[in-house]
């Protein structure tokens, strides 16, 4: 592992070109010419000269033609004097990660409707609410295993995959690399706290009855880009390098539950808000580069709204253009207090969309990687909204392989529950994967229209009820009754393909029926 010595610093080094025979193309050059230049490897003689000057490379970014690494402070003048070096910039440092709060035990959560053959366990309510289960049912009817043939990259911290919940997905890891540890192995079979494993479970976990992810049959590229609690330098360079490797390894979707802006307390400046314009920070440029290469990129918006309430409080790479940055709301579709807000520095709305926390207000069920037998717990954070959106993108790409990454992104945005009035609190709203699929031409069946009624479980209280409806048809009249036929007064609102029924009184736990009179 590369570690900075006390008298050394970690810096970015920008290179002039890809060698004397490969100068940067003019800004007016055709996109194909610029892309070909970006995809060329860094010029090896330049790297050799950097090493000779005492520079130890940590990460190399070919798209941006720059490297990060450590060098003794006394050798900085000589480094800057190299003829092919155009800039040397210090990298910000970060403090040790705060202790992770203990997990919350999952409350008893009933199993409602599910995709044929899939027992989601703790994810049933979430996948129902986001329209994922509905798309799964269509896929099942067409002999499609959710995620099959899709290649999803997860860029995160540790991947401790010893729990049986990961046994199936480990057979489909197609590439891995530990950028933070500078070694080829990012995955191990230990039973330890693991942010990367928790995020991964929402996509590829497969323990029916306990927790099944949204795209359990996908192939995976796993990249460790952050050291959980001991790295003193920001790992933004590792995130950028991991994005490049993911694209080179065939990723169709990338999930990144990391972000950088304020975690610095060693006398270094914060990342200025002005740099969060989507086209300045290295990790953001890498995310934009992936999107331009037809990859859907899902990035956590961050959990800084409470610690830095002045806003905007997003970080990098969530500020990137042409990606999906993710916030989170509670079961009433109200923004969770910790979920960061925009806009980006250039005025773009951030986040683009949000997922939901349905446990205890703003928590999400994830795998608990500390136990060998499958077990689920509840954690809060936009980290756990991000892989759900990534899995949704993978399902949409699988269902409509001719659709581009941008078409998938736009479908998720324009069918979210308040796409007609986006804001910098929750973006375009709660994602509706079924509505996005319909907008892309997937012929989903509208169950409520066909049957004239829908039967479902309600856990009690005053929480809203969400039913499926054809977004191209007007809002229907609806009545809600319990099994004995007693009416429950409700208000009804149509958002995308979701009918939101809000009880006007406290409901008892039990089975209810919604009917179109």
Protein backbone atom coordinates (compact mmCIF):
# COMPACT_ATOMS: atom_id res chain seq x y z
CA UNK A 1 0.00 0.00 0.00
CA UNK A 2 1.26 3.45 -0.89
CA UNK A 3 1.45 5.72 2.15
CA UNK A 4 2.64 9.28 2.33
CA UNK A 5 5.70 9.91 4.49
CA UNK A 6 5.64 12.75 7.04
CA UNK A 7 7.60 15.07 4.74
CA UNK A 8 5.65 14.19 1.61
CA UNK A 9 2.42 15.35 0.04
CA UNK A 10 -0.13 13.81 -2.26
CA UNK A 11 -0.68 15.81 -5.44
CA UNK A 12 -2.36 15.78 -8.82
CA UNK A 13 -0.03 16.05 -11.82
CA UNK A 14 -1.53 17.13 -15.16
CA UNK A 15 0.32 16.01 -18.29
CA UNK A 16 0.61 18.00 -21.50
CA UNK A 17 -0.22 15.23 -23.95
CA UNK A 18 -0.06 11.48 -24.65
CA UNK A 19 3.46 11.76 -25.99
CA UNK A 20 5.21 13.93 -28.60
CA UNK A 21 3.27 12.27 -31.42
CA UNK A 22 -0.15 12.54 -29.78
CA UNK A 23 -1.09 16.11 -28.97
CA UNK A 24 -4.55 16.97 -27.59
CA UNK A 25 -7.10 17.49 -30.36
CA UNK A 26 -8.58 20.93 -30.86
CA UNK A 27 -11.85 21.70 -29.05
CA UNK A 28 -13.54 21.80 -32.46
CA UNK A 29 -12.31 18.30 -33.38
CA UNK A 30 -15.01 15.64 -33.97
CA UNK A 31 -16.15 13.80 -30.83
CA UNK A 32 -14.75 10.52 -32.14
CA UNK A 33 -11.30 12.10 -32.44
CA UNK A 34 -11.44 13.50 -28.91
CA UNK A 35 -12.66 10.16 -27.55
CA UNK A 36 -9.88 8.26 -29.28
CA UNK A 37 -7.32 10.60 -27.72
CA UNK A 38 -8.85 10.22 -24.26
CA UNK A 39 -8.83 6.43 -24.54
CA UNK A 40 -5.11 6.26 -25.31
CA UNK A 41 -2.95 5.08 -22.44
CA UNK A 42 -0.73 7.53 -20.63
CA UNK A 43 2.68 7.95 -22.21
CA UNK A 44 5.00 5.51 -20.43
CA UNK A 45 8.22 7.60 -20.78
CA UNK A 46 6.43 10.42 -18.93
CA UNK A 47 5.54 8.03 -16.11
CA UNK A 48 9.13 6.81 -15.99
CA UNK A 49 10.36 10.39 -15.71
CA UNK A 50 7.91 11.06 -12.89
CA UNK A 51 9.23 8.04 -11.02
CA UNK A 52 12.79 9.19 -11.57
CA UNK A 53 11.78 12.53 -10.05
CA UNK A 54 10.63 10.76 -6.90
CA UNK A 55 6.91 10.71 -7.68
CA UNK A 56 5.04 7.53 -6.62
CA UNK A 57 1.89 7.14 -8.72
CA UNK A 58 -1.28 6.28 -6.79
CA UNK A 59 -3.84 6.52 -9.61
CA UNK A 60 -3.55 7.15 -13.35
CA UNK A 61 -6.45 8.71 -15.27
CA UNK A 62 -6.09 8.31 -19.03
CA UNK A 63 -9.30 10.17 -19.93
CA UNK A 64 -8.10 13.26 -18.05
CA UNK A 65 -4.38 12.71 -18.78
CA UNK A 66 -3.35 13.17 -15.16
CA UNK A 67 -1.98 11.13 -12.28
CA UNK A 68 -2.11 11.35 -8.51
CA UNK A 69 0.60 10.29 -6.12
CA UNK A 70 3.04 11.10 -3.35
CA UNK A 71 6.29 13.05 -3.47
CA UNK A 72 8.65 14.57 -0.95
CA UNK A 73 7.95 18.26 -0.51
CA UNK A 74 11.57 19.13 -1.26
CA UNK A 75 11.22 17.60 -4.74
CA UNK A 76 8.12 19.54 -5.78
CA UNK A 77 10.06 22.29 -7.64
CA UNK A 78 11.81 19.71 -9.80
CA UNK A 79 8.50 17.98 -10.49
CA UNK A 80 6.90 21.22 -11.64
CA UNK A 81 9.88 21.93 -13.87
CA UNK A 82 9.44 18.79 -15.98
CA UNK A 83 8.61 19.94 -19.54
CA UNK A 84 5.54 17.71 -19.95
CA UNK A 85 3.97 18.68 -16.59
CA UNK A 86 1.37 21.41 -16.98
CA UNK A 87 0.11 21.62 -13.38
CA UNK A 88 0.81 20.23 -9.91
CA UNK A 89 -2.06 20.62 -7.44
CA UNK A 90 -2.19 19.44 -3.82
CA UNK A 91 -4.84 16.88 -2.91
CA UNK A 92 -7.07 17.55 0.05
CA UNK A 93 -6.77 15.33 3.07
CA UNK A 94 -9.57 13.84 5.11
CA UNK A 95 -10.03 12.79 8.71
CA UNK A 96 -10.66 9.28 9.87
CA UNK A 97 -14.20 8.11 9.24
CA UNK A 98 -16.57 8.54 12.15
CA UNK A 99 -17.66 5.35 13.88
CA UNK A 100 -20.56 3.62 12.14
CA UNK A 101 -23.71 3.62 14.31
CA UNK A 102 -25.04 0.20 15.30
CA UNK A 103 -27.61 -1.30 12.95
CA UNK A 104 -31.31 -1.16 13.72
CA UNK A 105 -33.09 -4.52 13.99
CA UNK A 106 -35.75 -4.94 11.35
CA UNK A 107 -39.35 -4.77 12.52
CA UNK A 108 -41.65 -7.55 11.42
CA UNK A 109 -42.50 -6.66 7.81
CA UNK A 110 -45.26 -8.63 6.09
CA UNK A 111 -44.79 -10.13 2.67
CA UNK A 112 -47.18 -8.44 0.27
CA UNK A 113 -47.45 -9.16 -3.45
CA UNK A 114 -44.20 -10.30 -5.03
CA UNK A 115 -42.78 -11.21 -8.38
CA UNK A 116 -43.53 -14.78 -9.34
CA UNK A 117 -40.84 -16.97 -7.83
CA UNK A 118 -39.13 -14.16 -5.88
CA UNK A 119 -39.52 -13.88 -2.12
CA UNK A 120 -37.89 -10.49 -1.46
CA UNK A 121 -38.03 -10.79 2.30
CA UNK A 122 -37.16 -7.42 3.84
CA UNK A 123 -37.22 -5.63 0.46
CA UNK A 124 -40.86 -6.46 -0.36
CA UNK A 125 -42.32 -3.09 0.62
CA UNK A 126 -39.52 -1.09 -1.04
CA UNK A 127 -39.64 -2.95 -4.35
CA UNK A 128 -43.43 -2.75 -4.40
CA UNK A 129 -43.38 1.00 -3.72
CA UNK A 130 -40.81 1.75 -6.44
CA UNK A 131 -42.44 -0.36 -9.16
CA UNK A 132 -39.52 -2.83 -9.24
CA UNK A 133 -41.71 -5.81 -8.29
CA UNK A 134 -44.10 -4.97 -11.09
CA UNK A 135 -41.30 -4.97 -13.68
CA UNK A 136 -40.03 -8.24 -12.19
CA UNK A 137 -43.45 -9.82 -12.74
CA UNK A 138 -43.35 -8.87 -16.43
CA UNK A 139 -39.80 -10.19 -16.71
CA UNK A 140 -40.82 -13.46 -15.08
CA UNK A 141 -43.62 -13.84 -17.62
CA UNK A 142 -41.04 -13.44 -20.36
CA UNK A 143 -38.53 -15.93 -18.85
CA UNK A 144 -36.08 -13.16 -17.92
CA UNK A 145 -34.05 -13.45 -14.73
CA UNK A 146 -33.72 -9.95 -13.21
CA UNK A 147 -30.28 -8.59 -14.06
CA UNK A 148 -29.16 -11.49 -16.27
CA UNK A 149 -26.62 -10.36 -18.87
CA UNK A 150 -26.19 -6.94 -17.24
CA UNK A 151 -22.77 -5.89 -15.94
CA UNK A 152 -22.96 -3.64 -12.87
CA UNK A 153 -19.93 -1.98 -11.27
CA UNK A 154 -20.02 -1.11 -7.57
CA UNK A 155 -17.39 1.38 -6.38
CA UNK A 156 -17.25 1.50 -2.62
CA UNK A 157 -15.21 0.70 0.49
CA UNK A 158 -14.67 -2.84 1.79
CA UNK A 159 -16.37 -5.88 0.25
CA UNK A 160 -16.56 -8.50 3.01
CA UNK A 161 -18.71 -11.17 1.36
CA UNK A 162 -18.55 -14.09 3.78
CA UNK A 163 -22.29 -14.20 4.46
CA UNK A 164 -24.36 -16.77 2.58
CA UNK A 165 -26.45 -13.93 1.18
CA UNK A 166 -23.57 -13.30 -1.28
CA UNK A 167 -22.84 -16.92 -2.27
CA UNK A 168 -24.72 -16.71 -5.55
CA UNK A 169 -23.39 -13.35 -6.74
CA UNK A 170 -19.77 -14.30 -6.04
CA UNK A 171 -19.94 -16.74 -8.96
CA UNK A 172 -20.53 -13.76 -11.27
CA UNK A 173 -17.79 -11.33 -10.22
CA UNK A 174 -16.13 -10.53 -13.55
CA UNK A 175 -13.50 -8.06 -12.33
CA UNK A 176 -12.24 -6.61 -9.07
CA UNK A 177 -9.48 -4.28 -7.91
CA UNK A 178 -8.52 -2.62 -4.66
CA UNK A 179 -7.44 0.90 -5.65
CA UNK A 180 -7.08 2.06 -2.05
CA UNK A 181 -4.86 -0.89 -1.18
CA UNK A 182 -3.06 -1.08 -4.55
CA UNK A 183 -3.74 -4.76 -5.06
CA UNK A 184 -5.83 -6.91 -7.40
CA UNK A 185 -8.14 -8.41 -4.76
CA UNK A 186 -11.05 -6.27 -3.55
CA UNK A 187 -13.26 -9.06 -2.17
CA UNK A 188 -12.73 -11.35 0.82
CA UNK A 189 -14.84 -13.91 2.67
CA UNK A 190 -14.63 -12.34 6.11
CA UNK A 191 -17.61 -11.58 8.34
CA UNK A 192 -17.16 -7.90 9.17
CA UNK A 193 -18.91 -4.58 8.89
CA UNK A 194 -18.73 -3.66 5.21
CA UNK A 195 -20.31 -0.65 3.55
CA UNK A 196 -19.61 -2.04 0.10
CA UNK A 197 -21.22 -5.37 0.96
CA UNK A 198 -24.30 -3.65 2.37
CA UNK A 199 -24.77 -1.56 -0.78
CA UNK A 200 -24.12 -4.58 -2.99
CA UNK A 201 -26.85 -6.60 -1.26
CA UNK A 202 -29.53 -4.25 -2.61
CA UNK A 203 -28.53 -5.21 -6.15
CA UNK A 204 -27.27 -8.78 -5.97
CA UNK A 205 -28.11 -10.22 -2.56
CA UNK A 206 -29.95 -13.52 -2.89
CA UNK A 207 -31.37 -15.09 0.24
CA UNK A 208 -35.08 -15.69 -0.47
CA UNK A 209 -37.25 -14.92 2.52
CA UNK A 210 -34.54 -12.76 4.10
CA UNK A 211 -33.35 -10.32 1.43
CA UNK A 212 -33.21 -10.51 -2.37
CA UNK A 213 -31.72 -7.65 -4.37
CA UNK A 214 -33.37 -5.98 -7.34
CA UNK A 215 -31.02 -7.47 -9.98
CA UNK A 216 -29.76 -10.70 -8.38
CA UNK A 217 -28.72 -12.36 -11.66
CA UNK A 218 -26.41 -9.54 -12.78
CA UNK A 219 -22.66 -9.78 -13.32
CA UNK A 220 -20.51 -7.63 -11.04
CA UNK A 221 -17.38 -5.49 -11.17
CA UNK A 222 -16.28 -4.66 -7.62
CA UNK A 223 -13.80 -1.88 -6.91
CA UNK A 224 -12.58 -0.79 -3.50
CA UNK A 225 -11.86 2.94 -3.65
CA UNK A 226 -11.88 3.95 0.01
CA UNK A 227 -10.27 2.74 3.21
CA UNK A 228 -12.94 2.56 5.87
CA UNK A 229 -11.26 4.25 8.83
CA UNK A 230 -7.56 4.82 8.43
CA UNK A 231 -6.80 6.60 5.15
CA UNK A 232 -5.65 10.18 5.66
CA UNK A 233 -5.81 11.34 2.06
CA UNK A 234 -8.98 11.85 0.06
CA UNK A 235 -9.68 8.94 -2.24
CA UNK A 236 -11.27 10.92 -5.05
CA UNK A 237 -8.49 9.78 -7.37
CA UNK A 238 -9.29 6.14 -6.65
CA UNK A 239 -12.96 6.70 -7.47
CA UNK A 240 -12.03 8.28 -10.80
CA UNK A 241 -9.62 5.46 -11.64
CA UNK A 242 -12.24 2.87 -10.69
CA UNK A 243 -14.78 4.49 -13.02
CA UNK A 244 -12.34 4.24 -15.93
CA UNK A 245 -11.61 0.60 -15.19
CA UNK A 246 -15.33 -0.17 -14.88
CA UNK A 247 -16.02 1.25 -18.34
CA UNK A 248 -13.04 -0.60 -19.80
CA UNK A 249 -14.41 -3.80 -18.20
CA UNK A 250 -17.78 -3.50 -19.87
CA UNK A 251 -19.91 -1.89 -17.18
CA UNK A 252 -23.41 -0.92 -18.31
CA UNK A 253 -24.30 0.59 -14.94
CA UNK A 254 -22.08 2.02 -12.18
CA UNK A 255 -23.13 2.51 -8.55
CA UNK A 256 -21.05 4.86 -6.35
CA UNK A 257 -22.01 5.37 -2.71
CA UNK A 258 -19.05 7.64 -1.94
CA UNK A 259 -18.64 11.40 -1.97
CA UNK A 260 -16.19 14.14 -1.05
CA UNK A 261 -16.41 17.72 0.08
CA UNK A 262 -16.21 18.42 3.81
CA UNK A 263 -14.44 15.48 5.46
CA UNK A 264 -11.29 17.51 6.05
CA UNK A 265 -10.02 18.62 9.44
CA UNK A 266 -6.26 18.67 9.00
CA UNK A 267 -5.90 22.34 8.20
CA UNK A 268 -6.82 21.83 4.55
CA UNK A 269 -9.57 23.81 2.76
CA UNK A 270 -12.91 22.30 1.87
CA UNK A 271 -13.72 21.62 -1.77
CA UNK A 272 -15.11 25.00 -2.90
CA UNK A 273 -18.77 24.95 -3.92
CA UNK A 274 -17.78 26.71 -7.16
CA UNK A 275 -15.92 23.54 -8.20
CA UNK A 276 -19.07 21.43 -7.91
CA UNK A 277 -20.22 22.37 -11.40
CA UNK A 278 -20.04 18.82 -12.73
CA UNK A 279 -17.02 19.50 -14.92
CA UNK A 280 -14.17 20.38 -12.57
CA UNK A 281 -13.49 17.70 -9.96
CA UNK A 282 -11.64 14.59 -11.21
CA UNK A 283 -14.24 12.11 -9.93
CA UNK A 284 -17.05 14.14 -11.49
CA UNK A 285 -15.22 14.34 -14.82
CA UNK A 286 -14.77 10.57 -14.71
CA UNK A 287 -18.49 10.05 -14.01
CA UNK A 288 -19.36 12.36 -16.91
CA UNK A 289 -16.89 10.45 -19.10
CA UNK A 290 -18.64 7.18 -18.25
CA UNK A 291 -22.05 8.65 -19.06
CA UNK A 292 -20.73 9.83 -22.43
CA UNK A 293 -19.60 6.25 -23.06
CA UNK A 294 -23.17 4.97 -22.69
CA UNK A 295 -23.03 3.92 -19.03
CA UNK A 296 -25.74 4.79 -16.49
CA UNK A 297 -23.98 6.23 -13.42
CA UNK A 298 -25.81 6.32 -10.06
CA UNK A 299 -24.16 8.36 -7.28
CA UNK A 300 -25.14 8.99 -3.66
CA UNK A 301 -26.05 12.64 -3.10
CA UNK A 302 -24.65 12.55 0.44
CA UNK A 303 -25.86 12.82 4.01
CA UNK A 304 -24.69 16.35 4.81
CA UNK A 305 -27.95 18.30 5.08
CA UNK A 306 -28.02 18.16 8.88
CA UNK A 307 -24.31 18.76 9.50
CA UNK A 308 -24.16 21.56 6.91
CA UNK A 309 -27.73 22.88 6.78
CA UNK A 310 -26.82 26.06 4.96
CA UNK A 311 -26.89 24.24 1.62
CA UNK A 312 -26.26 23.48 -1.14
CA UNK A 313 -24.49 20.58 0.53
CA UNK A 314 -23.77 18.09 -2.24
CA UNK A 315 -20.28 16.76 -2.95
CA UNK A 316 -18.32 15.18 -5.77
CA UNK A 317 -19.00 13.11 -7.90
CA UNK A 318 -22.74 13.66 -7.25
CA UNK A 319 -22.42 17.05 -8.98
CA UNK A 320 -21.51 15.42 -12.29
CA UNK A 321 -23.55 16.18 -15.39
CA UNK A 322 -25.54 13.44 -17.19
CA UNK A 323 -25.72 11.08 -14.18
CA UNK A 324 -28.33 10.13 -11.60
CA UNK A 325 -27.56 11.55 -8.17
CA UNK A 326 -29.74 10.01 -5.46
CA UNK A 327 -31.48 11.43 -2.44
CA UNK A 328 -33.96 9.67 -0.17
CA UNK A 329 -37.44 10.29 1.26
CA UNK A 330 -39.53 8.61 3.95
CA UNK A 331 -42.74 6.60 3.55
CA UNK A 332 -44.73 9.84 3.26
CA UNK A 333 -42.42 10.90 0.42
CA UNK A 334 -40.93 13.71 2.48
CA UNK A 335 -37.17 14.29 2.19
CA UNK A 336 -35.17 12.63 4.95
CA UNK A 337 -33.46 15.34 6.99
CA UNK A 338 -29.96 14.07 6.26
CA UNK A 339 -30.38 13.81 2.47
CA UNK A 340 -28.26 16.49 0.77
CA UNK A 341 -29.72 19.18 -1.46
CA UNK A 342 -28.63 21.07 -4.57
CA UNK A 343 -28.30 22.75 -6.91
CA UNK A 344 -24.95 22.06 -8.54
CA UNK A 345 -22.75 25.15 -8.82
CA UNK A 346 -23.84 25.72 -12.42
CA UNK A 347 -27.51 25.70 -11.42
CA UNK A 348 -28.49 22.17 -12.46
CA UNK A 349 -31.11 20.49 -10.27
CA UNK A 350 -29.67 18.02 -7.80
CA UNK A 351 -30.54 15.32 -6.88
CA UNK A 352 -32.09 13.96 -10.05
CA UNK A 353 -34.32 11.38 -8.31
CA UNK A 354 -34.87 9.84 -4.89
CA UNK A 355 -35.51 6.41 -3.43
CA UNK A 356 -37.40 5.63 -0.23
CA UNK A 357 -36.63 4.68 3.35
CA UNK A 358 -39.54 2.62 4.65
CA UNK A 359 -38.25 1.44 8.03
CA UNK A 360 -38.50 3.67 11.07
CA UNK A 361 -38.84 6.75 8.90
CA UNK A 362 -35.74 6.87 6.71
CA UNK A 363 -33.96 3.51 6.95
CA UNK A 364 -33.48 0.80 4.32
CA UNK A 365 -33.15 -2.95 4.79
CA UNK A 366 -29.69 -4.23 3.82
CA UNK A 367 -27.74 -7.43 4.38
CA UNK A 368 -25.80 -7.68 7.63
CA UNK A 369 -22.35 -8.90 6.47
CA UNK A 370 -21.18 -9.74 9.99
CA UNK A 371 -23.05 -13.07 10.18
CA UNK A 372 -22.57 -16.23 8.12
CA UNK A 373 -26.28 -16.99 7.88
CA UNK A 374 -28.41 -14.52 5.91
CA UNK A 375 -29.60 -11.65 8.08
CA UNK A 376 -31.02 -8.21 7.32
CA UNK A 377 -30.80 -4.99 9.31
CA UNK A 378 -31.83 -1.38 8.77
CA UNK A 379 -29.43 1.45 7.94
CA UNK A 380 -30.06 5.05 6.93
CA UNK A 381 -28.25 6.96 4.20
CA UNK A 382 -28.34 7.93 0.56
CA UNK A 383 -25.70 5.22 0.15
CA UNK A 384 -28.58 2.76 0.09
CA UNK A 385 -30.72 4.70 -2.35
CA UNK A 386 -27.93 4.61 -4.93
CA UNK A 387 -27.65 0.84 -5.59
CA UNK A 388 -31.44 0.59 -5.85
CA UNK A 389 -31.38 3.13 -8.69
CA UNK A 390 -28.43 1.33 -10.28
CA UNK A 391 -30.34 -1.96 -10.16
CA UNK A 392 -33.39 -0.24 -11.63
CA UNK A 393 -31.26 1.05 -14.51
CA UNK A 394 -29.90 -2.46 -15.08
CA UNK A 395 -33.44 -3.89 -15.22
CA UNK A 396 -34.50 -1.23 -17.72
CA UNK A 397 -31.45 -1.85 -19.90
CA UNK A 398 -32.17 -5.57 -19.78
CA UNK A 399 -35.81 -5.02 -20.70
CA UNK A 400 -34.99 -2.56 -23.48
CA UNK A 401 -31.41 -3.30 -24.65
CA UNK A 402 -31.72 -0.84 -27.55
CA UNK A 403 -32.19 2.08 -25.13
CA UNK A 404 -29.16 4.28 -24.49
CA UNK A 405 -27.88 5.20 -21.05
CA UNK A 406 -29.27 8.71 -21.47
CA UNK A 407 -32.67 7.36 -22.49
CA UNK A 408 -32.71 5.19 -19.35
CA UNK A 409 -31.72 8.17 -17.22
CA UNK A 410 -34.36 10.40 -18.77
CA UNK A 411 -37.02 7.71 -18.38
CA UNK A 412 -36.35 7.47 -14.63
CA UNK A 413 -36.42 11.26 -14.29
CA UNK A 414 -39.47 12.11 -16.38
CA UNK A 415 -41.64 9.40 -14.75
CA UNK A 416 -40.69 10.20 -11.14
CA UNK A 417 -43.56 11.35 -8.95
CA UNK A 418 -43.18 15.11 -9.38
CA UNK A 419 -41.35 15.36 -12.69
CA UNK A 420 -43.56 18.31 -13.61
CA UNK A 421 -42.16 20.42 -10.77
CA UNK A 422 -38.56 19.35 -10.00
CA UNK A 423 -36.71 21.04 -7.15
CA UNK A 424 -33.40 20.86 -5.30
CA UNK A 425 -34.85 18.99 -2.35
CA UNK A 426 -35.91 15.75 -4.03
CA UNK A 427 -35.16 16.41 -7.71
CA UNK A 428 -37.78 14.97 -10.04
CA UNK A 429 -39.15 12.85 -7.23
CA UNK A 430 -39.45 9.22 -6.21
CA UNK A 431 -38.41 6.86 -8.98
CA UNK A 432 -41.17 4.76 -10.52
CA UNK A 433 -39.45 1.91 -12.31
CA UNK A 434 -42.67 0.53 -13.75
CA UNK A 435 -43.61 3.91 -15.23
CA UNK A 436 -40.09 4.27 -16.63
CA UNK A 437 -40.41 0.86 -18.24
CA UNK A 438 -43.77 1.80 -19.75
CA UNK A 439 -42.29 5.01 -21.16
CA UNK A 440 -39.58 2.94 -22.85
CA UNK A 441 -42.16 0.68 -24.47
CA UNK A 442 -42.13 -2.29 -22.08
CA UNK A 443 -45.71 -3.67 -22.30
CA UNK A 444 -46.49 -3.98 -18.61
CA UNK A 445 -49.99 -5.00 -17.60
CA UNK A 446 -51.96 -2.59 -15.45
CA UNK A 447 -53.39 -4.90 -12.81
CA UNK A 448 -55.88 -2.49 -11.28
CA UNK A 449 -57.45 -1.74 -14.67
CA UNK A 450 -57.76 -5.40 -15.61
CA UNK A 451 -59.13 -6.66 -12.30
CA UNK A 452 -61.01 -3.55 -11.23
CA UNK A 453 -59.66 -3.99 -7.74
CA UNK A 454 -56.42 -4.48 -5.81
CA UNK A 455 -55.99 -6.32 -2.53
CA UNK A 456 -53.05 -5.46 -0.31
CA UNK A 457 -51.73 -5.43 3.23
CA UNK A 458 -51.48 -2.22 5.28
CA UNK A 459 -49.30 -2.21 8.44
CA UNK A 460 -51.62 0.21 10.24
CA UNK A 461 -51.42 3.90 10.98
CA UNK A 462 -51.89 6.81 8.59
CA UNK A 463 -49.27 5.95 5.99
CA UNK A 464 -50.18 6.33 2.30
CA UNK A 465 -51.03 3.46 -0.03
CA UNK A 466 -49.49 3.27 -3.50
CA UNK A 467 -51.22 1.41 -6.34
CA UNK A 468 -50.39 0.97 -10.02
CA UNK A 469 -52.24 2.83 -12.78
CA UNK A 470 -51.75 3.61 -16.45
CA UNK A 471 -50.05 7.04 -16.48
CA UNK A 472 -51.73 7.84 -19.80
CA UNK A 473 -55.25 7.45 -18.38
CA UNK A 474 -57.04 9.98 -16.18
CA UNK A 475 -57.17 9.54 -12.43
CA UNK A 476 -59.93 7.02 -11.60
CA UNK A 477 -62.51 7.29 -8.83
CA UNK A 478 -61.53 4.88 -6.08
CA UNK A 479 -63.02 3.51 -2.92
CA UNK A 480 -61.15 1.71 -0.16
CA UNK A 481 -62.70 -0.92 2.11
CA UNK A 482 -61.54 -3.46 4.65
CA UNK A 483 -62.42 -7.15 4.23
CA UNK A 484 -65.74 -6.65 5.98
CA UNK A 485 -66.73 -4.03 3.39
CA UNK A 486 -66.42 -0.99 5.66
CA UNK A 487 -65.31 2.09 3.78
CA UNK A 488 -62.16 4.01 4.64
CA UNK A 489 -62.24 7.72 3.69
CA UNK A 490 -59.31 8.57 1.41
CA UNK A 491 -57.88 11.27 -0.81
CA UNK A 492 -56.41 10.15 -4.15
CA UNK A 493 -53.64 11.65 -6.29
CA UNK A 494 -52.13 10.31 -9.52
CA UNK A 495 -48.34 10.78 -9.96
CA UNK A 496 -46.82 9.02 -12.97
CA UNK A 497 -48.11 5.45 -12.80
CA UNK A 498 -48.67 5.61 -9.04
CA UNK A 499 -52.02 6.25 -7.39
CA UNK A 500 -51.35 7.63 -3.93
CA UNK A 501 -54.22 6.91 -1.53
CA UNK A 502 -54.03 8.82 1.75
CA UNK A 503 -56.30 7.57 4.54
CA UNK A 504 -58.27 10.25 6.32
CA UNK A 505 -58.22 8.28 9.56
CA UNK A 506 -55.86 5.92 11.35
CA UNK A 507 -56.00 2.46 9.78
CA UNK A 508 -55.82 -0.83 11.60
CA UNK A 509 -53.33 -3.49 10.56
CA UNK A 510 -54.84 -5.82 8.00
CA UNK A 511 -55.93 -6.56 4.44
CA UNK A 512 -57.69 -3.85 2.41
CA UNK A 513 -59.29 -3.68 -1.04
CA UNK A 514 -59.18 -0.72 -3.44
CA UNK A 515 -61.89 -0.72 -6.13
CA UNK A 516 -62.79 1.30 -9.16
CA UNK A 517 -66.58 1.73 -8.69
